[in-house]
Amino acid sequence: MLVCACSAPASAAPVQTARGVLLDVEAPSIQKVDSFTLRTDDGQEMHFVTAPNFNAGISHLMTPGHMRQHMALADPVEVTYRDDSGTLVALTAIDVSQ
């Protein structure tokens, strides 16, 4: 007897954006960001892990050094992310004008 349990694929979490300043950047190398913390314009702190394809297709990549420069100067960034069951997964982080 063959039993098959089939279910509809889980829908992908909606993509959201947040704008603010970086408080922390965790990077194992000069090319890869593992995670970072953002303080949003309304004061909320959000911790992100980066997606495997973080910043794919973005012309001005946010390297760990670039992100740390933003952190030091309190220059804002905009993060596009999804919430995967309580884990915030950053898809992109880009420069924004103040």
PDB file of N, CA and C in Angstrom:
ATOM      1  N   MET A   1       0.845  -1.164   0.000  1.00  0.00           N
ATOM      2  CA  MET A   1       0.000   0.000   0.000  1.00  0.00           C
ATOM      3  C   MET A   1       0.897   1.236   0.000  1.00  0.00           C
ATOM      4  N   LEU A   2       0.582   2.163  -0.809  1.00  0.00           N
ATOM      5  CA  LEU A   2       1.332   3.407  -0.906  1.00  0.00           C
ATOM      6  C   LEU A   2       0.485   4.529  -0.334  1.00  0.00           C
ATOM      7  N   VAL A   3       1.076   5.262   0.585  1.00  0.00           N
ATOM      8  CA  VAL A   3       0.373   6.392   1.192  1.00  0.00           C
ATOM      9  C   VAL A   3       1.143   7.654   0.845  1.00  0.00           C
ATOM     10  N   CYS A   4       0.449   8.638   0.367  1.00  0.00           N
ATOM     11  CA  CYS A   4       1.091   9.901  -0.014  1.00  0.00           C
ATOM     12  C   CYS A   4       0.370  11.046   0.674  1.00  0.00           C
ATOM     13  N   ALA A   5       1.109  11.783   1.437  1.00  0.00           N
ATOM     14  CA  ALA A   5       0.528  12.975   2.070  1.00  0.00           C
ATOM     15  C   ALA A   5       1.047  14.177   1.309  1.00  0.00           C
ATOM     16  N   CYS A   6       0.148  14.835   0.648  1.00  0.00           N
ATOM     17  CA  CYS A   6       0.534  15.981  -0.152  1.00  0.00           C
ATOM     18  C   CYS A   6      -0.075  17.231   0.447  1.00  0.00           C
ATOM     19  N   SER A   7       0.695  18.290   0.422  1.00  0.00           N
ATOM     20  CA  SER A   7       0.159  19.563   0.906  1.00  0.00           C
ATOM     21  C   SER A   7       0.609  20.659  -0.033  1.00  0.00           C
ATOM     22  N   ALA A   8      -0.125  21.700  -0.003  1.00  0.00           N
ATOM     23  CA  ALA A   8       0.231  22.846  -0.836  1.00  0.00           C
ATOM     24  C   ALA A   8       1.523  23.450  -0.300  1.00  0.00           C
ATOM     25  N   PRO A   9       2.381  23.938  -1.169  1.00  0.00           N
ATOM     26  CA  PRO A   9       3.622  24.552  -0.693  1.00  0.00           C
ATOM     27  C   PRO A   9       3.302  25.769   0.157  1.00  0.00           C
ATOM     28  N   ALA A  10       4.105  25.921   1.189  1.00  0.00           N
ATOM     29  CA  ALA A  10       3.914  27.080   2.065  1.00  0.00           C
ATOM     30  C   ALA A  10       4.154  28.351   1.262  1.00  0.00           C
ATOM     31  N   SER A  11       3.309  29.305   1.446  1.00  0.00           N
ATOM     32  CA  SER A  11       3.504  30.559   0.713  1.00  0.00           C
ATOM     33  C   SER A  11       4.696  31.304   1.291  1.00  0.00           C
ATOM     34  N   ALA A  12       5.408  31.936   0.434  1.00  0.00           N
ATOM     35  CA  ALA A  12       6.578  32.689   0.853  1.00  0.00           C
ATOM     36  C   ALA A  12       6.143  33.882   1.698  1.00  0.00           C
ATOM     37  N   ALA A  13       6.955  34.178   2.689  1.00  0.00           N
ATOM     38  CA  ALA A  13       6.663  35.327   3.543  1.00  0.00           C
ATOM     39  C   ALA A  13       6.729  36.601   2.698  1.00  0.00           C
ATOM     40  N   PRO A  14       5.850  37.556   2.967  1.00  0.00           N
ATOM     41  CA  PRO A  14       5.883  38.792   2.181  1.00  0.00           C
ATOM     42  C   PRO A  14       7.176  39.571   2.426  1.00  0.00           C
ATOM     43  N   VAL A  15       7.612  40.253   1.397  1.00  0.00           N
ATOM     44  CA  VAL A  15       8.821  41.070   1.493  1.00  0.00           C
ATOM     45  C   VAL A  15       8.445  42.417   2.112  1.00  0.00           C
ATOM     46  N   GLN A  16       9.267  42.861   3.054  1.00  0.00           N
ATOM     47  CA  GLN A  16       9.050  44.122   3.760  1.00  0.00           C
ATOM     48  C   GLN A  16      10.313  44.960   3.676  1.00  0.00           C
ATOM     49  N   THR A  17      10.220  46.216   4.065  1.00  0.00           N
ATOM     50  CA  THR A  17      11.410  47.082   4.124  1.00  0.00           C
ATOM     51  C   THR A  17      11.465  47.776   5.471  1.00  0.00           C
ATOM     52  N   ALA A  18      12.680  48.103   5.871  1.00  0.00           N
ATOM     53  CA  ALA A  18      12.927  48.873   7.092  1.00  0.00           C
ATOM     54  C   ALA A  18      14.063  49.838   6.802  1.00  0.00           C
ATOM     55  N   ARG A  19      13.971  51.038   7.348  1.00  0.00           N
ATOM     56  CA  ARG A  19      14.997  52.063   7.149  1.00  0.00           C
ATOM     57  C   ARG A  19      15.531  52.479   8.500  1.00  0.00           C
ATOM     58  N   GLY A  20      16.846  52.658   8.588  1.00  0.00           N
ATOM     59  CA  GLY A  20      17.436  53.093   9.844  1.00  0.00           C
ATOM     60  C   GLY A  20      18.947  53.093   9.776  1.00  0.00           C
ATOM     61  N   VAL A  21      19.573  53.050  10.960  1.00  0.00           N
ATOM     62  CA  VAL A  21      21.034  53.057  11.059  1.00  0.00           C
ATOM     63  C   VAL A  21      21.510  51.717  11.619  1.00  0.00           C
ATOM     64  N   LEU A  22      22.679  51.321  11.180  1.00  0.00           N
ATOM     65  CA  LEU A  22      23.257  50.060  11.617  1.00  0.00           C
ATOM     66  C   LEU A  22      23.893  50.213  13.001  1.00  0.00           C
ATOM     67  N   LEU A  23      23.651  49.229  13.856  1.00  0.00           N
ATOM     68  CA  LEU A  23      24.243  49.215  15.193  1.00  0.00           C
ATOM     69  C   LEU A  23      25.349  48.187  15.318  1.00  0.00           C
ATOM     70  N   ASP A  24      25.266  47.123  14.508  1.00  0.00           N
ATOM     71  CA  ASP A  24      26.237  46.041  14.592  1.00  0.00           C
ATOM     72  C   ASP A  24      26.271  45.307  13.262  1.00  0.00           C
ATOM     73  N   VAL A  25      27.464  44.847  12.879  1.00  0.00           N
ATOM     74  CA  VAL A  25      27.635  44.058  11.665  1.00  0.00           C
ATOM     75  C   VAL A  25      28.525  42.876  12.018  1.00  0.00           C
ATOM     76  N   GLU A  26      28.051  41.654  11.762  1.00  0.00           N
ATOM     77  CA  GLU A  26      28.828  40.452  12.013  1.00  0.00           C
ATOM     78  C   GLU A  26      29.223  39.852  10.667  1.00  0.00           C
ATOM     79  N   ALA A  27      30.547  39.739  10.457  1.00  0.00           N
ATOM     80  CA  ALA A  27      31.054  39.268   9.166  1.00  0.00           C
ATOM     81  C   ALA A  27      32.272  38.382   9.385  1.00  0.00           C
ATOM     82  N   PRO A  28      32.265  37.178   8.799  1.00  0.00           N
ATOM     83  CA  PRO A  28      33.414  36.280   8.943  1.00  0.00           C
ATOM     84  C   PRO A  28      34.574  36.630   8.015  1.00  0.00           C
ATOM     85  N   SER A  29      34.312  37.497   7.028  1.00  0.00           N
ATOM     86  CA  SER A  29      35.360  37.854   6.069  1.00  0.00           C
ATOM     87  C   SER A  29      35.078  39.257   5.524  1.00  0.00           C
ATOM     88  N   ILE A  30      35.957  39.736   4.661  1.00  0.00           N
ATOM     89  CA  ILE A  30      35.759  41.070   4.092  1.00  0.00           C
ATOM     90  C   ILE A  30      34.713  41.080   2.988  1.00  0.00           C
ATOM     91  N   GLN A  31      34.243  39.902   2.589  1.00  0.00           N
ATOM     92  CA  GLN A  31      33.265  39.816   1.505  1.00  0.00           C
ATOM     93  C   GLN A  31      31.871  39.364   1.930  1.00  0.00           C
ATOM     94  N   LYS A  32      31.733  38.769   3.117  1.00  0.00           N
ATOM     95  CA  LYS A  32      30.468  38.147   3.492  1.00  0.00           C
ATOM     96  C   LYS A  32      29.938  38.700   4.807  1.00  0.00           C
ATOM     97  N   VAL A  33      28.685  39.120   4.789  1.00  0.00           N
ATOM     98  CA  VAL A  33      27.989  39.562   5.998  1.00  0.00           C
ATOM     99  C   VAL A  33      27.112  38.405   6.465  1.00  0.00           C
ATOM    100  N   ASP A  34      27.240  38.022   7.744  1.00  0.00           N
ATOM    101  CA  ASP A  34      26.391  36.965   8.304  1.00  0.00           C
ATOM    102  C   ASP A  34      25.106  37.532   8.893  1.00  0.00           C
ATOM    103  N   SER A  35      25.240  38.640   9.634  1.00  0.00           N
ATOM    104  CA  SER A  35      24.078  39.230  10.290  1.00  0.00           C
ATOM    105  C   SER A  35      24.386  40.680  10.652  1.00  0.00           C
ATOM    106  N   PHE A  36      23.326  41.420  10.975  1.00  0.00           N
ATOM    107  CA  PHE A  36      23.505  42.806  11.397  1.00  0.00           C
ATOM    108  C   PHE A  36      22.273  43.265  12.172  1.00  0.00           C
ATOM    109  N   THR A  37      22.454  44.345  12.917  1.00  0.00           N
ATOM    110  CA  THR A  37      21.361  44.920  13.696  1.00  0.00           C
ATOM    111  C   THR A  37      21.109  46.332  13.212  1.00  0.00           C
ATOM    112  N   LEU A  38      19.838  46.651  13.041  1.00  0.00           N
ATOM    113  CA  LEU A  38      19.400  47.953  12.540  1.00  0.00           C
ATOM    114  C   LEU A  38      18.506  48.611  13.581  1.00  0.00           C
ATOM    115  N   ARG A  39      18.722  49.904  13.833  1.00  0.00           N
ATOM    116  CA  ARG A  39      17.765  50.685  14.624  1.00  0.00           C
ATOM    117  C   ARG A  39      16.952  51.490  13.634  1.00  0.00           C
ATOM    118  N   THR A  40      15.670  51.211  13.592  1.00  0.00           N
ATOM    119  CA  THR A  40      14.801  51.863  12.618  1.00  0.00           C
ATOM    120  C   THR A  40      14.582  53.321  12.981  1.00  0.00           C
ATOM    121  N   ASP A  41      14.040  54.066  12.030  1.00  0.00           N
ATOM    122  CA  ASP A  41      13.764  55.487  12.247  1.00  0.00           C
ATOM    123  C   ASP A  41      12.836  55.719  13.440  1.00  0.00           C
ATOM    124  N   ASP A  42      11.992  54.727  13.766  1.00  0.00           N
ATOM    125  CA  ASP A  42      11.100  54.887  14.921  1.00  0.00           C
ATOM    126  C   ASP A  42      11.669  54.277  16.201  1.00  0.00           C
ATOM    127  N   GLY A  43      12.966  53.872  16.179  1.00  0.00           N
ATOM    128  CA  GLY A  43      13.648  53.424  17.389  1.00  0.00           C
ATOM    129  C   GLY A  43      13.622  51.938  17.664  1.00  0.00           C
ATOM    130  N   GLN A  44      13.002  51.164  16.818  1.00  0.00           N
ATOM    131  CA  GLN A  44      12.937  49.710  17.003  1.00  0.00           C
ATOM    132  C   GLN A  44      14.269  49.089  16.583  1.00  0.00           C
ATOM    133  N   GLU A  45      14.773  48.118  17.372  1.00  0.00           N
ATOM    134  CA  GLU A  45      15.979  47.390  16.987  1.00  0.00           C
ATOM    135  C   GLU A  45      15.575  46.076  16.333  1.00  0.00           C
ATOM    136  N   MET A  46      16.153  45.829  15.166  1.00  0.00           N
ATOM    137  CA  MET A  46      15.839  44.624  14.398  1.00  0.00           C
ATOM    138  C   MET A  46      17.138  43.899  14.073  1.00  0.00           C
ATOM    139  N   HIS A  47      17.187  42.602  14.377  1.00  0.00           N
ATOM    140  CA  HIS A  47      18.377  41.802  14.067  1.00  0.00           C
ATOM    141  C   HIS A  47      18.072  40.949  12.839  1.00  0.00           C
ATOM    142  N   PHE A  48      18.948  41.014  11.852  1.00  0.00           N
ATOM    143  CA  PHE A  48      18.777  40.293  10.592  1.00  0.00           C
ATOM    144  C   PHE A  48      19.891  39.278  10.400  1.00  0.00           C
ATOM    145  N   VAL A  49      19.545  38.139   9.817  1.00  0.00           N
ATOM    146  CA  VAL A  49      20.539  37.230   9.250  1.00  0.00           C
ATOM    147  C   VAL A  49      20.441  37.444   7.743  1.00  0.00           C
ATOM    148  N   THR A  50      21.533  37.237   7.055  1.00  0.00           N
ATOM    149  CA  THR A  50      21.512  37.484   5.614  1.00  0.00           C
ATOM    150  C   THR A  50      21.110  36.226   4.856  1.00  0.00           C
ATOM    151  N   ALA A  51      20.344  36.431   3.796  1.00  0.00           N
ATOM    152  CA  ALA A  51      19.966  35.343   2.902  1.00  0.00           C
ATOM    153  C   ALA A  51      21.215  34.867   2.168  1.00  0.00           C
ATOM    154  N   PRO A  52      21.228  33.619   1.713  1.00  0.00           N
ATOM    155  CA  PRO A  52      22.388  33.125   0.955  1.00  0.00           C
ATOM    156  C   PRO A  52      22.715  34.000  -0.253  1.00  0.00           C
ATOM    157  N   ASN A  53      21.717  34.612  -0.853  1.00  0.00           N
ATOM    158  CA  ASN A  53      21.933  35.479  -2.018  1.00  0.00           C
ATOM    159  C   ASN A  53      21.814  36.959  -1.641  1.00  0.00           C
ATOM    160  N   PHE A  54      22.220  37.313  -0.425  1.00  0.00           N
ATOM    161  CA  PHE A  54      22.146  38.690   0.063  1.00  0.00           C
ATOM    162  C   PHE A  54      22.757  39.659  -0.942  1.00  0.00           C
ATOM    163  N   ASN A  55      21.984  40.660  -1.309  1.00  0.00           N
ATOM    164  CA  ASN A  55      22.377  41.727  -2.236  1.00  0.00           C
ATOM    165  C   ASN A  55      22.617  41.255  -3.667  1.00  0.00           C
ATOM    166  N   ALA A  56      22.103  40.088  -4.027  1.00  0.00           N
ATOM    167  CA  ALA A  56      22.234  39.624  -5.412  1.00  0.00           C
ATOM    168  C   ALA A  56      21.523  40.598  -6.337  1.00  0.00           C
ATOM    169  N   GLY A  57      22.197  40.991  -7.395  1.00  0.00           N
ATOM    170  CA  GLY A  57      21.604  41.885  -8.374  1.00  0.00           C
ATOM    171  C   GLY A  57      21.691  43.357  -8.024  1.00  0.00           C
ATOM    172  N   ILE A  58      22.314  43.689  -6.901  1.00  0.00           N
ATOM    173  CA  ILE A  58      22.479  45.092  -6.501  1.00  0.00           C
ATOM    174  C   ILE A  58      23.814  45.581  -7.062  1.00  0.00           C
ATOM    175  N   SER A  59      23.804  46.735  -7.722  1.00  0.00           N
ATOM    176  CA  SER A  59      25.030  47.222  -8.366  1.00  0.00           C
ATOM    177  C   SER A  59      26.067  47.732  -7.364  1.00  0.00           C
ATOM    178  N   HIS A  60      25.630  48.341  -6.277  1.00  0.00           N
ATOM    179  CA  HIS A  60      26.569  48.845  -5.263  1.00  0.00           C
ATOM    180  C   HIS A  60      26.454  47.961  -4.033  1.00  0.00           C
ATOM    181  N   LEU A  61      27.297  46.935  -3.995  1.00  0.00           N
ATOM    182  CA  LEU A  61      27.225  45.962  -2.917  1.00  0.00           C
ATOM    183  C   LEU A  61      27.576  46.573  -1.565  1.00  0.00           C
ATOM    184  N   MET A  62      26.859  46.126  -0.560  1.00  0.00           N
ATOM    185  CA  MET A  62      27.142  46.526   0.819  1.00  0.00           C
ATOM    186  C   MET A  62      28.071  45.477   1.416  1.00  0.00           C
ATOM    187  N   THR A  63      29.367  45.690   1.268  1.00  0.00           N
ATOM    188  CA  THR A  63      30.338  44.795   1.869  1.00  0.00           C
ATOM    189  C   THR A  63      30.363  45.053   3.376  1.00  0.00           C
ATOM    190  N   PRO A  64      30.971  44.162   4.157  1.00  0.00           N
ATOM    191  CA  PRO A  64      31.075  44.412   5.592  1.00  0.00           C
ATOM    192  C   PRO A  64      31.740  45.760   5.895  1.00  0.00           C
ATOM    193  N   GLY A  65      32.786  46.107   5.150  1.00  0.00           N
ATOM    194  CA  GLY A  65      33.455  47.391   5.377  1.00  0.00           C
ATOM    195  C   GLY A  65      32.552  48.569   5.092  1.00  0.00           C
ATOM    196  N   HIS A  66      31.800  48.479   4.011  1.00  0.00           N
ATOM    197  CA  HIS A  66      30.862  49.549   3.647  1.00  0.00           C
ATOM    198  C   HIS A  66      29.778  49.679   4.716  1.00  0.00           C
ATOM    199  N   MET A  67      29.281  48.538   5.193  1.00  0.00           N
ATOM    200  CA  MET A  67      28.258  48.571   6.237  1.00  0.00           C
ATOM    201  C   MET A  67      28.814  49.163   7.532  1.00  0.00           C
ATOM    202  N   ARG A  68      30.056  48.835   7.866  1.00  0.00           N
ATOM    203  CA  ARG A  68      30.668  49.396   9.084  1.00  0.00           C
ATOM    204  C   ARG A  68      30.893  50.902   8.942  1.00  0.00           C
ATOM    205  N   GLN A  69      31.182  51.357   7.731  1.00  0.00           N
ATOM    206  CA  GLN A  69      31.307  52.792   7.495  1.00  0.00           C
ATOM    207  C   GLN A  69      29.960  53.474   7.755  1.00  0.00           C
ATOM    208  N   HIS A  70      28.895  52.895   7.261  1.00  0.00           N
ATOM    209  CA  HIS A  70      27.554  53.423   7.532  1.00  0.00           C
ATOM    210  C   HIS A  70      27.280  53.448   9.034  1.00  0.00           C
ATOM    211  N   MET A  71      27.701  52.399   9.717  1.00  0.00           N
ATOM    212  CA  MET A  71      27.494  52.318  11.158  1.00  0.00           C
ATOM    213  C   MET A  71      28.254  53.434  11.873  1.00  0.00           C
ATOM    214  N   ALA A  72      29.505  53.642  11.508  1.00  0.00           N
ATOM    215  CA  ALA A  72      30.337  54.659  12.159  1.00  0.00           C
ATOM    216  C   ALA A  72      29.810  56.069  11.920  1.00  0.00           C
ATOM    217  N   LEU A  73      29.284  56.325  10.730  1.00  0.00           N
ATOM    218  CA  LEU A  73      28.811  57.665  10.374  1.00  0.00           C
ATOM    219  C   LEU A  73      27.316  57.862  10.614  1.00  0.00           C
ATOM    220  N   ALA A  74      26.642  56.799  11.063  1.00  0.00           N
ATOM    221  CA  ALA A  74      25.185  56.822  11.269  1.00  0.00           C
ATOM    222  C   ALA A  74      24.447  57.204   9.986  1.00  0.00           C
ATOM    223  N   ASP A  75      25.001  56.763   8.852  1.00  0.00           N
ATOM    224  CA  ASP A  75      24.329  56.960   7.565  1.00  0.00           C
ATOM    225  C   ASP A  75      23.242  55.899   7.424  1.00  0.00           C
ATOM    226  N   PRO A  76      22.040  56.275   7.027  1.00  0.00           N
ATOM    227  CA  PRO A  76      20.939  55.312   6.960  1.00  0.00           C
ATOM    228  C   PRO A  76      21.062  54.324   5.807  1.00  0.00           C
ATOM    229  N   VAL A  77      20.454  53.180   6.027  1.00  0.00           N
ATOM    230  CA  VAL A  77      20.325  52.159   5.000  1.00  0.00           C
ATOM    231  C   VAL A  77      18.872  51.703   4.952  1.00  0.00           C
ATOM    232  N   GLU A  78      18.515  51.093   3.849  1.00  0.00           N
ATOM    233  CA  GLU A  78      17.189  50.485   3.734  1.00  0.00           C
ATOM    234  C   GLU A  78      17.372  48.995   3.508  1.00  0.00           C
ATOM    235  N   VAL A  79      16.703  48.211   4.317  1.00  0.00           N
ATOM    236  CA  VAL A  79      16.816  46.758   4.260  1.00  0.00           C
ATOM    237  C   VAL A  79      15.509  46.179   3.724  1.00  0.00           C
ATOM    238  N   THR A  80      15.636  45.322   2.745  1.00  0.00           N
ATOM    239  CA  THR A  80      14.503  44.542   2.255  1.00  0.00           C
ATOM    240  C   THR A  80      14.654  43.168   2.883  1.00  0.00           C
ATOM    241  N   TYR A  81      13.569  42.664   3.487  1.00  0.00           N
ATOM    242  CA  TYR A  81      13.669  41.417   4.230  1.00  0.00           C
ATOM    243  C   TYR A  81      12.339  40.665   4.226  1.00  0.00           C
ATOM    244  N   ARG A  82      12.413  39.439   4.725  1.00  0.00           N
ATOM    245  CA  ARG A  82      11.216  38.651   4.967  1.00  0.00           C
ATOM    246  C   ARG A  82      11.317  38.065   6.374  1.00  0.00           C
ATOM    247  N   ASP A  83      10.182  37.812   6.969  1.00  0.00           N
ATOM    248  CA  ASP A  83      10.113  37.213   8.305  1.00  0.00           C
ATOM    249  C   ASP A  83       9.840  35.723   8.132  1.00  0.00           C
ATOM    250  N   ASP A  84      10.841  34.900   8.418  1.00  0.00           N
ATOM    251  CA  ASP A  84      10.697  33.445   8.325  1.00  0.00           C
ATOM    252  C   ASP A  84      10.481  32.882   9.725  1.00  0.00           C
ATOM    253  N   SER A  85       9.232  32.825  10.140  1.00  0.00           N
ATOM    254  CA  SER A  85       8.869  32.270  11.453  1.00  0.00           C
ATOM    255  C   SER A  85       9.634  32.937  12.591  1.00  0.00           C
ATOM    256  N   GLY A  86       9.721  34.252  12.555  1.00  0.00           N
ATOM    257  CA  GLY A  86      10.382  35.003  13.622  1.00  0.00           C
ATOM    258  C   GLY A  86      11.834  35.348  13.357  1.00  0.00           C
ATOM    259  N   THR A  87      12.439  34.763  12.325  1.00  0.00           N
ATOM    260  CA  THR A  87      13.808  35.104  11.934  1.00  0.00           C
ATOM    261  C   THR A  87      13.723  36.099  10.791  1.00  0.00           C
ATOM    262  N   LEU A  88      14.323  37.265  10.977  1.00  0.00           N
ATOM    263  CA  LEU A  88      14.320  38.289   9.934  1.00  0.00           C
ATOM    264  C   LEU A  88      15.475  38.008   8.977  1.00  0.00           C
ATOM    265  N   VAL A  89      15.148  37.743   7.727  1.00  0.00           N
ATOM    266  CA  VAL A  89      16.150  37.372   6.713  1.00  0.00           C
ATOM    267  C   VAL A  89      16.315  38.538   5.746  1.00  0.00           C
ATOM    268  N   ALA A  90      17.504  39.158   5.778  1.00  0.00           N
ATOM    269  CA  ALA A  90      17.796  40.306   4.911  1.00  0.00           C
ATOM    270  C   ALA A  90      18.084  39.827   3.499  1.00  0.00           C
ATOM    271  N   LEU A  91      17.357  40.414   2.547  1.00  0.00           N
ATOM    272  CA  LEU A  91      17.572  40.113   1.131  1.00  0.00           C
ATOM    273  C   LEU A  91      18.520  41.124   0.506  1.00  0.00           C
ATOM    274  N   THR A  92      18.352  42.397   0.868  1.00  0.00           N
ATOM    275  CA  THR A  92      19.233  43.475   0.391  1.00  0.00           C
ATOM    276  C   THR A  92      19.385  44.539   1.468  1.00  0.00           C
ATOM    277  N   ALA A  93      20.460  45.285   1.360  1.00  0.00           N
ATOM    278  CA  ALA A  93      20.666  46.489   2.172  1.00  0.00           C
ATOM    279  C   ALA A  93      21.288  47.516   1.226  1.00  0.00           C
ATOM    280  N   ILE A  94      20.686  48.685   1.141  1.00  0.00           N
ATOM    281  CA  ILE A  94      21.161  49.695   0.216  1.00  0.00           C
ATOM    282  C   ILE A  94      21.303  51.050   0.886  1.00  0.00           C
ATOM    283  N   ASP A  95      22.128  51.916   0.292  1.00  0.00           N
ATOM    284  CA  ASP A  95      22.280  53.293   0.751  1.00  0.00           C
ATOM    285  C   ASP A  95      20.974  54.036   0.519  1.00  0.00           C
ATOM    286  N   VAL A  96      20.649  54.943   1.417  1.00  0.00           N
ATOM    287  CA  VAL A  96      19.510  55.846   1.206  1.00  0.00           C
ATOM    288  C   VAL A  96      19.934  57.252   1.568  1.00  0.00           C
ATOM    289  N   SER A  97      19.304  58.217   0.940  1.00  0.00           N
ATOM    290  CA  SER A  97      19.581  59.612   1.282  1.00  0.00           C
ATOM    291  C   SER A  97      18.789  59.992   2.510  1.00  0.00           C
ATOM    292  N   GLN A  98      19.335  60.912   3.239  1.00  0.00           N
ATOM    293  CA  GLN A  98      18.638  61.360   4.456  1.00  0.00           C
ATOM    294  C   GLN A  98      17.574  62.345   4.137  1.00  0.00           C
TER     295      GLN A  98
END
